[in-house]
Amino acid sequence: VGPDGAVLQSLETQVTSNVDQSILPAKALVVGPGYDKN
C-alpha cells in the first residue's frame, strides 16, 4: 500500500506444513533471557 492508501500490489499464496504442531512441547522448555530450564 502506497502512502496515499492506493494498493500497489496484491498477492495471495498458501503455506502448507509437513508436520503437525503436536511436535511442539505444551510449554516452553526454557524461560528468561538466559534460556534457563523452565
PDB file of all heavy atoms in Angstrom:
ATOM      1  N   VAL A   1       0.850  -1.195   0.000  1.00  0.00           N
ATOM      2  CA  VAL A   1       0.000   0.000   0.000  1.00  0.00           C
ATOM      3  C   VAL A   1       0.885   1.244   0.000  1.00  0.00           C
ATOM      4  O   VAL A   1       1.793   1.368   0.825  1.00  0.00           O
ATOM      5  CB  VAL A   1      -0.935  -0.002   1.236  1.00  0.00           C
ATOM      6  CG1 VAL A   1      -1.829   1.213   1.242  1.00  0.00           C
ATOM      7  CG2 VAL A   1      -1.765  -1.280   1.267  1.00  0.00           C
ATOM      8  N   GLY A   2       0.600   2.149  -0.933  1.00  0.00           N
ATOM      9  CA  GLY A   2       1.352   3.392  -1.030  1.00  0.00           C
ATOM     10  C   GLY A   2       0.975   4.361   0.065  1.00  0.00           C
ATOM     11  O   GLY A   2      -0.002   4.150   0.797  1.00  0.00           O
ATOM     12  N   PRO A   3       1.715   5.459   0.215  1.00  0.00           N
ATOM     13  CA  PRO A   3       1.452   6.432   1.277  1.00  0.00           C
ATOM     14  C   PRO A   3       0.085   7.105   1.136  1.00  0.00           C
ATOM     15  O   PRO A   3      -0.479   7.563   2.124  1.00  0.00           O
ATOM     16  CB  PRO A   3       2.582   7.451   1.125  1.00  0.00           C
ATOM     17  CG  PRO A   3       3.158   7.226  -0.216  1.00  0.00           C
ATOM     18  CD  PRO A   3       2.859   5.821  -0.606  1.00  0.00           C
ATOM     19  N   ASP A   4      -0.476   7.094  -0.074  1.00  0.00           N
ATOM     20  CA  ASP A   4      -1.801   7.685  -0.303  1.00  0.00           C
ATOM     21  C   ASP A   4      -2.929   6.679  -0.074  1.00  0.00           C
ATOM     22  O   ASP A   4      -4.092   6.999  -0.256  1.00  0.00           O
ATOM     23  CB  ASP A   4      -1.887   8.261  -1.717  1.00  0.00           C
ATOM     24  CG  ASP A   4      -1.678   7.203  -2.797  1.00  0.00           C
ATOM     25  OD1 ASP A   4      -1.348   6.038  -2.460  1.00  0.00           O
ATOM     26  OD2 ASP A   4      -1.830   7.544  -3.992  1.00  0.00           O
ATOM     27  N   GLY A   5      -2.594   5.435   0.310  1.00  0.00           N
ATOM     28  CA  GLY A   5      -3.596   4.409   0.552  1.00  0.00           C
ATOM     29  C   GLY A   5      -3.914   3.552  -0.662  1.00  0.00           C
ATOM     30  O   GLY A   5      -4.670   2.588  -0.565  1.00  0.00           O
ATOM     31  N   ALA A   6      -3.328   3.874  -1.799  1.00  0.00           N
ATOM     32  CA  ALA A   6      -3.575   3.103  -3.016  1.00  0.00           C
ATOM     33  C   ALA A   6      -2.837   1.764  -2.945  1.00  0.00           C
ATOM     34  O   ALA A   6      -1.688   1.703  -2.508  1.00  0.00           O
ATOM     35  CB  ALA A   6      -3.109   3.881  -4.240  1.00  0.00           C
ATOM     36  N   VAL A   7      -3.517   0.700  -3.367  1.00  0.00           N
ATOM     37  CA  VAL A   7      -2.895  -0.623  -3.384  1.00  0.00           C
ATOM     38  C   VAL A   7      -1.994  -0.722  -4.606  1.00  0.00           C
ATOM     39  O   VAL A   7      -2.454  -0.606  -5.741  1.00  0.00           O
ATOM     40  CB  VAL A   7      -3.963  -1.736  -3.393  1.00  0.00           C
ATOM     41  CG1 VAL A   7      -3.315  -3.103  -3.504  1.00  0.00           C
ATOM     42  CG2 VAL A   7      -4.817  -1.664  -2.140  1.00  0.00           C
ATOM     43  N   LEU A   8      -0.688  -0.915  -4.365  1.00  0.00           N
ATOM     44  CA  LEU A   8       0.297  -1.004  -5.431  1.00  0.00           C
ATOM     45  C   LEU A   8       0.459  -2.437  -5.944  1.00  0.00           C
ATOM     46  O   LEU A   8       0.836  -2.658  -7.082  1.00  0.00           O
ATOM     47  CB  LEU A   8       1.656  -0.488  -4.957  1.00  0.00           C
ATOM     48  CG  LEU A   8       1.676   0.931  -4.382  1.00  0.00           C
ATOM     49  CD1 LEU A   8       3.047   1.261  -3.812  1.00  0.00           C
ATOM     50  CD2 LEU A   8       1.266   1.929  -5.440  1.00  0.00           C
ATOM     51  N   GLN A   9       0.174  -3.416  -5.054  1.00  0.00           N
ATOM     52  CA  GLN A   9       0.293  -4.828  -5.423  1.00  0.00           C
ATOM     53  C   GLN A   9      -0.511  -5.668  -4.453  1.00  0.00           C
ATOM     54  O   GLN A   9      -0.570  -5.374  -3.258  1.00  0.00           O
ATOM     55  CB  GLN A   9       1.768  -5.259  -5.376  1.00  0.00           C
ATOM     56  CG  GLN A   9       1.989  -6.717  -5.712  1.00  0.00           C
ATOM     57  CD  GLN A   9       3.443  -7.145  -5.563  1.00  0.00           C
ATOM     58  OE1 GLN A   9       4.304  -6.360  -5.168  1.00  0.00           O
ATOM     59  NE2 GLN A   9       3.739  -8.388  -5.880  1.00  0.00           N
ATOM     60  N   SER A  10      -1.114  -6.717  -4.959  1.00  0.00           N
ATOM     61  CA  SER A  10      -1.794  -7.714  -4.130  1.00  0.00           C
ATOM     62  C   SER A  10      -1.323  -9.083  -4.565  1.00  0.00           C
ATOM     63  O   SER A  10      -1.192  -9.332  -5.760  1.00  0.00           O
ATOM     64  CB  SER A  10      -3.310  -7.646  -4.308  1.00  0.00           C
ATOM     65  OG  SER A  10      -3.827  -6.468  -3.767  1.00  0.00           O
ATOM     66  N   LEU A  11      -1.059  -9.932  -3.600  1.00  0.00           N
ATOM     67  CA  LEU A  11      -0.743 -11.310  -3.947  1.00  0.00           C
ATOM     68  C   LEU A  11      -1.268 -12.236  -2.872  1.00  0.00           C
ATOM     69  O   LEU A  11      -1.416 -11.847  -1.716  1.00  0.00           O
ATOM     70  CB  LEU A  11       0.750 -11.509  -4.200  1.00  0.00           C
ATOM     71  CG  LEU A  11       1.756 -11.301  -3.079  1.00  0.00           C
ATOM     72  CD1 LEU A  11       2.094 -12.621  -2.421  1.00  0.00           C
ATOM     73  CD2 LEU A  11       3.025 -10.727  -3.667  1.00  0.00           C
ATOM     74  N   GLU A  12      -1.607 -13.434  -3.290  1.00  0.00           N
ATOM     75  CA  GLU A  12      -2.076 -14.465  -2.371  1.00  0.00           C
ATOM     76  C   GLU A  12      -1.246 -15.708  -2.580  1.00  0.00           C
ATOM     77  O   GLU A  12      -0.825 -15.999  -3.700  1.00  0.00           O
ATOM     78  CB  GLU A  12      -3.552 -14.777  -2.610  1.00  0.00           C
ATOM     79  CG  GLU A  12      -4.478 -13.710  -2.103  1.00  0.00           C
ATOM     80  CD  GLU A  12      -5.938 -14.139  -2.124  1.00  0.00           C
ATOM     81  OE1 GLU A  12      -6.224 -15.338  -2.332  1.00  0.00           O
ATOM     82  OE2 GLU A  12      -6.788 -13.263  -1.919  1.00  0.00           O
ATOM     83  N   THR A  13      -1.024 -16.425  -1.499  1.00  0.00           N
ATOM     84  CA  THR A  13      -0.301 -17.683  -1.563  1.00  0.00           C
ATOM     85  C   THR A  13      -0.853 -18.595  -0.478  1.00  0.00           C
ATOM     86  O   THR A  13      -1.712 -18.189   0.308  1.00  0.00           O
ATOM     87  CB  THR A  13       1.222 -17.463  -1.407  1.00  0.00           C
ATOM     88  OG1 THR A  13       1.895 -18.691  -1.691  1.00  0.00           O
ATOM     89  CG2 THR A  13       1.595 -16.963  -0.026  1.00  0.00           C
ATOM     90  N   GLN A  14      -0.374 -19.814  -0.469  1.00  0.00           N
ATOM     91  CA  GLN A  14      -0.745 -20.765   0.577  1.00  0.00           C
ATOM     92  C   GLN A  14       0.525 -21.349   1.165  1.00  0.00           C
ATOM     93  O   GLN A  14       1.525 -21.528   0.461  1.00  0.00           O
ATOM     94  CB  GLN A  14      -1.604 -21.896  -0.002  1.00  0.00           C
ATOM     95  CG  GLN A  14      -2.960 -21.416  -0.482  1.00  0.00           C
ATOM     96  CD  GLN A  14      -3.778 -22.553  -1.049  1.00  0.00           C
ATOM     97  OE1 GLN A  14      -3.266 -23.565  -1.485  1.00  0.00           O
ATOM     98  NE2 GLN A  14      -5.090 -22.376  -1.037  1.00  0.00           N
ATOM     99  N   VAL A  15       0.452 -21.648   2.461  1.00  0.00           N
ATOM    100  CA  VAL A  15       1.579 -22.268   3.150  1.00  0.00           C
ATOM    101  C   VAL A  15       1.074 -23.594   3.718  1.00  0.00           C
ATOM    102  O   VAL A  15       0.023 -23.636   4.363  1.00  0.00           O
ATOM    103  CB  VAL A  15       2.124 -21.365   4.280  1.00  0.00           C
ATOM    104  CG1 VAL A  15       3.333 -22.004   4.945  1.00  0.00           C
ATOM    105  CG2 VAL A  15       2.471 -19.987   3.745  1.00  0.00           C
ATOM    106  N   THR A  16       1.829 -24.651   3.455  1.00  0.00           N
ATOM    107  CA  THR A  16       1.453 -25.986   3.920  1.00  0.00           C
ATOM    108  C   THR A  16       2.592 -26.553   4.743  1.00  0.00           C
ATOM    109  O   THR A  16       3.753 -26.493   4.328  1.00  0.00           O
ATOM    110  CB  THR A  16       1.164 -26.911   2.712  1.00  0.00           C
ATOM    111  OG1 THR A  16       0.171 -26.303   1.889  1.00  0.00           O
ATOM    112  CG2 THR A  16       0.669 -28.274   3.169  1.00  0.00           C
ATOM    113  N   SER A  17       2.262 -27.102   5.901  1.00  0.00           N
ATOM    114  CA  SER A  17       3.283 -27.671   6.779  1.00  0.00           C
ATOM    115  C   SER A  17       3.440 -29.162   6.500  1.00  0.00           C
ATOM    116  O   SER A  17       2.476 -29.847   6.149  1.00  0.00           O
ATOM    117  CB  SER A  17       2.874 -27.471   8.246  1.00  0.00           C
ATOM    118  OG  SER A  17       3.828 -28.062   9.101  1.00  0.00           O
ATOM    119  N   ASN A  18       4.656 -29.663   6.694  1.00  0.00           N
ATOM    120  CA  ASN A  18       4.870 -31.102   6.545  1.00  0.00           C
ATOM    121  C   ASN A  18       4.836 -31.822   7.894  1.00  0.00           C
ATOM    122  O   ASN A  18       5.112 -33.018   7.953  1.00  0.00           O
ATOM    123  CB  ASN A  18       6.175 -31.384   5.794  1.00  0.00           C
ATOM    124  CG  ASN A  18       7.387 -30.806   6.479  1.00  0.00           C
ATOM    125  OD1 ASN A  18       7.277 -30.118   7.493  1.00  0.00           O
ATOM    126  ND2 ASN A  18       8.558 -31.077   5.935  1.00  0.00           N
ATOM    127  N   VAL A  19       4.514 -31.093   8.978  1.00  0.00           N
ATOM    128  CA  VAL A  19       4.341 -31.685  10.307  1.00  0.00           C
ATOM    129  C   VAL A  19       3.179 -30.988  11.024  1.00  0.00           C
ATOM    130  O   VAL A  19       2.836 -29.855  10.711  1.00  0.00           O
ATOM    131  CB  VAL A  19       5.615 -31.569  11.189  1.00  0.00           C
ATOM    132  CG1 VAL A  19       6.749 -32.387  10.616  1.00  0.00           C
ATOM    133  CG2 VAL A  19       6.031 -30.137  11.361  1.00  0.00           C
ATOM    134  N   ASP A  20       2.592 -31.691  11.979  1.00  0.00           N
ATOM    135  CA  ASP A  20       1.564 -31.095  12.832  1.00  0.00           C
ATOM    136  C   ASP A  20       2.224 -30.322  13.965  1.00  0.00           C
ATOM    137  O   ASP A  20       3.363 -30.614  14.354  1.00  0.00           O
ATOM    138  CB  ASP A  20       0.689 -32.183  13.476  1.00  0.00           C
ATOM    139  CG  ASP A  20      -0.324 -32.764  12.524  1.00  0.00           C
ATOM    140  OD1 ASP A  20      -0.837 -32.033  11.661  1.00  0.00           O
ATOM    141  OD2 ASP A  20      -0.615 -33.970  12.651  1.00  0.00           O
ATOM    142  N   GLN A  21       1.486 -29.382  14.532  1.00  0.00           N
ATOM    143  CA  GLN A  21       2.016 -28.615  15.646  1.00  0.00           C
ATOM    144  C   GLN A  21       2.189 -29.490  16.888  1.00  0.00           C
ATOM    145  O   GLN A  21       2.860 -29.099  17.827  1.00  0.00           O
ATOM    146  CB  GLN A  21       1.132 -27.419  15.954  1.00  0.00           C
ATOM    147  CG  GLN A  21       1.778 -26.495  16.967  1.00  0.00           C
ATOM    148  CD  GLN A  21       1.147 -25.140  17.030  1.00  0.00           C
ATOM    149  OE1 GLN A  21       0.490 -24.709  16.106  1.00  0.00           O
ATOM    150  NE2 GLN A  21       1.345 -24.460  18.136  1.00  0.00           N
ATOM    151  N   SER A  22       1.641 -30.683  16.873  1.00  0.00           N
ATOM    152  CA  SER A  22       1.777 -31.572  18.030  1.00  0.00           C
ATOM    153  C   SER A  22       3.222 -32.000  18.271  1.00  0.00           C
ATOM    154  O   SER A  22       3.523 -32.621  19.287  1.00  0.00           O
ATOM    155  CB  SER A  22       0.892 -32.811  17.850  1.00  0.00           C
ATOM    156  OG  SER A  22       1.300 -33.529  16.697  1.00  0.00           O
ATOM    157  N   ILE A  23       4.144 -31.655  17.367  1.00  0.00           N
ATOM    158  CA  ILE A  23       5.564 -31.955  17.622  1.00  0.00           C
ATOM    159  C   ILE A  23       6.145 -31.009  18.666  1.00  0.00           C
ATOM    160  O   ILE A  23       7.210 -31.267  19.206  1.00  0.00           O
ATOM    161  CB  ILE A  23       6.406 -31.885  16.333  1.00  0.00           C
ATOM    162  CG1 ILE A  23       6.459 -30.464  15.803  1.00  0.00           C
ATOM    163  CG2 ILE A  23       5.933 -32.867  15.291  1.00  0.00           C
ATOM    164  CD1 ILE A  23       7.642 -30.190  14.909  1.00  0.00           C
ATOM    165  N   LEU A  24       5.440 -29.888  18.924  1.00  0.00           N
ATOM    166  CA  LEU A  24       5.933 -28.912  19.899  1.00  0.00           C
ATOM    167  C   LEU A  24       5.582 -29.335  21.315  1.00  0.00           C
ATOM    168  O   LEU A  24       4.546 -29.953  21.555  1.00  0.00           O
ATOM    169  CB  LEU A  24       5.305 -27.538  19.636  1.00  0.00           C
ATOM    170  CG  LEU A  24       5.754 -26.811  18.391  1.00  0.00           C
ATOM    171  CD1 LEU A  24       4.959 -25.517  18.230  1.00  0.00           C
ATOM    172  CD2 LEU A  24       7.236 -26.515  18.439  1.00  0.00           C
ATOM    173  N   PRO A  25       6.423 -28.953  22.275  1.00  0.00           N
ATOM    174  CA  PRO A  25       6.053 -29.201  23.669  1.00  0.00           C
ATOM    175  C   PRO A  25       4.879 -28.300  24.065  1.00  0.00           C
ATOM    176  O   PRO A  25       4.666 -27.242  23.471  1.00  0.00           O
ATOM    177  CB  PRO A  25       7.318 -28.848  24.457  1.00  0.00           C
ATOM    178  CG  PRO A  25       8.108 -27.976  23.566  1.00  0.00           C
ATOM    179  CD  PRO A  25       7.721 -28.316  22.154  1.00  0.00           C
ATOM    180  N   ALA A  26       4.126 -28.710  25.063  1.00  0.00           N
ATOM    181  CA  ALA A  26       2.968 -27.935  25.524  1.00  0.00           C
ATOM    182  C   ALA A  26       3.403 -26.629  26.184  1.00  0.00           C
ATOM    183  O   ALA A  26       2.688 -25.633  26.125  1.00  0.00           O
ATOM    184  CB  ALA A  26       2.133 -28.766  26.492  1.00  0.00           C
ATOM    185  N   LYS A  27       4.558 -26.623  26.807  1.00  0.00           N
ATOM    186  CA  LYS A  27       5.081 -25.431  27.472  1.00  0.00           C
ATOM    187  C   LYS A  27       6.515 -25.188  27.004  1.00  0.00           C
ATOM    188  O   LYS A  27       7.217 -26.129  26.633  1.00  0.00           O
ATOM    189  CB  LYS A  27       5.079 -25.619  28.994  1.00  0.00           C
ATOM    190  CG  LYS A  27       3.704 -25.769  29.589  1.00  0.00           C
ATOM    191  CD  LYS A  27       3.784 -25.983  31.075  1.00  0.00           C
ATOM    192  CE  LYS A  27       2.389 -26.205  31.625  1.00  0.00           C
ATOM    193  NZ  LYS A  27       2.413 -26.601  33.012  1.00  0.00           N
ATOM    194  N   ALA A  28       6.918 -23.925  27.073  1.00  0.00           N
ATOM    195  CA  ALA A  28       8.291 -23.578  26.705  1.00  0.00           C
ATOM    196  C   ALA A  28       9.283 -24.359  27.557  1.00  0.00           C
ATOM    197  O   ALA A  28       9.085 -24.522  28.763  1.00  0.00           O
ATOM    198  CB  ALA A  28       8.514 -22.089  26.885  1.00  0.00           C
ATOM    199  N   LEU A  29      10.340 -24.856  26.927  1.00  0.00           N
ATOM    200  CA  LEU A  29      11.349 -25.619  27.661  1.00  0.00           C
ATOM    201  C   LEU A  29      12.311 -24.717  28.408  1.00  0.00           C
ATOM    202  O   LEU A  29      12.951 -25.138  29.368  1.00  0.00           O
ATOM    203  CB  LEU A  29      12.134 -26.513  26.700  1.00  0.00           C
ATOM    204  CG  LEU A  29      11.299 -27.529  25.906  1.00  0.00           C
ATOM    205  CD1 LEU A  29      12.210 -28.355  25.009  1.00  0.00           C
ATOM    206  CD2 LEU A  29      10.502 -28.410  26.836  1.00  0.00           C
ATOM    207  N   VAL A  30      12.417 -23.465  27.951  1.00  0.00           N
ATOM    208  CA  VAL A  30      13.325 -22.510  28.586  1.00  0.00           C
ATOM    209  C   VAL A  30      12.575 -21.212  28.861  1.00  0.00           C
ATOM    210  O   VAL A  30      11.572 -20.901  28.227  1.00  0.00           O
ATOM    211  CB  VAL A  30      14.560 -22.233  27.715  1.00  0.00           C
ATOM    212  CG1 VAL A  30      15.421 -23.484  27.587  1.00  0.00           C
ATOM    213  CG2 VAL A  30      14.176 -21.710  26.359  1.00  0.00           C
ATOM    214  N   VAL A  31      13.086 -20.453  29.836  1.00  0.00           N
ATOM    215  CA  VAL A  31      12.487 -19.164  30.190  1.00  0.00           C
ATOM    216  C   VAL A  31      13.585 -18.137  30.421  1.00  0.00           C
ATOM    217  O   VAL A  31      14.718 -18.480  30.756  1.00  0.00           O
ATOM    218  CB  VAL A  31      11.602 -19.278  31.464  1.00  0.00           C
ATOM    219  CG1 VAL A  31      10.377 -20.137  31.207  1.00  0.00           C
ATOM    220  CG2 VAL A  31      12.392 -19.816  32.645  1.00  0.00           C
ATOM    221  N   GLY A  32      13.226 -16.884  30.255  1.00  0.00           N
ATOM    222  CA  GLY A  32      14.135 -15.797  30.576  1.00  0.00           C
ATOM    223  C   GLY A  32      15.208 -15.559  29.534  1.00  0.00           C
ATOM    224  O   GLY A  32      15.379 -16.338  28.602  1.00  0.00           O
ATOM    225  N   PRO A  33      15.949 -14.464  29.727  1.00  0.00           N
ATOM    226  CA  PRO A  33      16.974 -14.078  28.753  1.00  0.00           C
ATOM    227  C   PRO A  33      18.157 -15.045  28.713  1.00  0.00           C
ATOM    228  O   PRO A  33      18.860 -15.116  27.720  1.00  0.00           O
ATOM    229  CB  PRO A  33      17.406 -12.688  29.218  1.00  0.00           C
ATOM    230  CG  PRO A  33      17.028 -12.626  30.655  1.00  0.00           C
ATOM    231  CD  PRO A  33      15.824 -13.506  30.817  1.00  0.00           C
ATOM    232  N   GLY A  34      18.349 -15.814  29.763  1.00  0.00           N
ATOM    233  CA  GLY A  34      19.462 -16.767  29.810  1.00  0.00           C
ATOM    234  C   GLY A  34      19.068 -18.163  29.375  1.00  0.00           C
ATOM    235  O   GLY A  34      19.854 -19.102  29.486  1.00  0.00           O
ATOM    236  N   TYR A  35      17.850 -18.318  28.883  1.00  0.00           N
ATOM    237  CA  TYR A  35      17.338 -19.631  28.467  1.00  0.00           C
ATOM    238  C   TYR A  35      17.487 -20.667  29.585  1.00  0.00           C
ATOM    239  O   TYR A  35      17.982 -21.768  29.383  1.00  0.00           O
ATOM    240  CB  TYR A  35      18.026 -20.124  27.184  1.00  0.00           C
ATOM    241  CG  TYR A  35      17.552 -19.412  25.946  1.00  0.00           C
ATOM    242  CD1 TYR A  35      18.218 -18.298  25.457  1.00  0.00           C
ATOM    243  CD2 TYR A  35      16.422 -19.841  25.268  1.00  0.00           C
ATOM    244  CE1 TYR A  35      17.781 -17.627  24.318  1.00  0.00           C
ATOM    245  CE2 TYR A  35      15.964 -19.189  24.124  1.00  0.00           C
ATOM    246  CZ  TYR A  35      16.654 -18.092  23.661  1.00  0.00           C
ATOM    247  OH  TYR A  35      16.202 -17.444  22.539  1.00  0.00           O
ATOM    248  N   ASP A  36      17.056 -20.275  30.795  1.00  0.00           N
ATOM    249  CA  ASP A  36      17.076 -21.204  31.919  1.00  0.00           C
ATOM    250  C   ASP A  36      15.996 -22.256  31.725  1.00  0.00           C
ATOM    251  O   ASP A  36      14.969 -22.006  31.101  1.00  0.00           O
ATOM    252  CB  ASP A  36      16.811 -20.442  33.232  1.00  0.00           C
ATOM    253  CG  ASP A  36      17.891 -19.421  33.529  1.00  0.00           C
ATOM    254  OD1 ASP A  36      19.071 -19.721  33.287  1.00  0.00           O
ATOM    255  OD2 ASP A  36      17.547 -18.315  34.000  1.00  0.00           O
ATOM    256  N   LYS A  37      16.229 -23.438  32.285  1.00  0.00           N
ATOM    257  CA  LYS A  37      15.223 -24.502  32.194  1.00  0.00           C
ATOM    258  C   LYS A  37      13.926 -24.013  32.836  1.00  0.00           C
ATOM    259  O   LYS A  37      13.940 -23.413  33.916  1.00  0.00           O
ATOM    260  CB  LYS A  37      15.698 -25.753  32.921  1.00  0.00           C
ATOM    261  CG  LYS A  37      16.836 -26.458  32.225  1.00  0.00           C
ATOM    262  CD  LYS A  37      17.246 -27.694  33.018  1.00  0.00           C
ATOM    263  CE  LYS A  37      18.402 -28.398  32.372  1.00  0.00           C
ATOM    264  NZ  LYS A  37      18.843 -29.561  33.146  1.00  0.00           N
ATOM    265  N   ASN A  38      12.823 -24.299  32.177  1.00  0.00           N
ATOM    266  CA  ASN A  38      11.511 -23.916  32.695  1.00  0.00           C
ATOM    267  C   ASN A  38      11.177 -24.827  33.884  1.00  0.00           C
ATOM    268  O   ASN A  38      11.055 -26.041  33.723  1.00  0.00           O
ATOM    269  CB  ASN A  38      10.461 -24.060  31.592  1.00  0.00           C
ATOM    270  CG  ASN A  38       9.092 -23.580  32.012  1.00  0.00           C
ATOM    271  OD1 ASN A  38       8.812 -23.360  33.186  1.00  0.00           O
ATOM    272  ND2 ASN A  38       8.213 -23.418  31.037  1.00  0.00           N
TER     273      ASN A  38
END
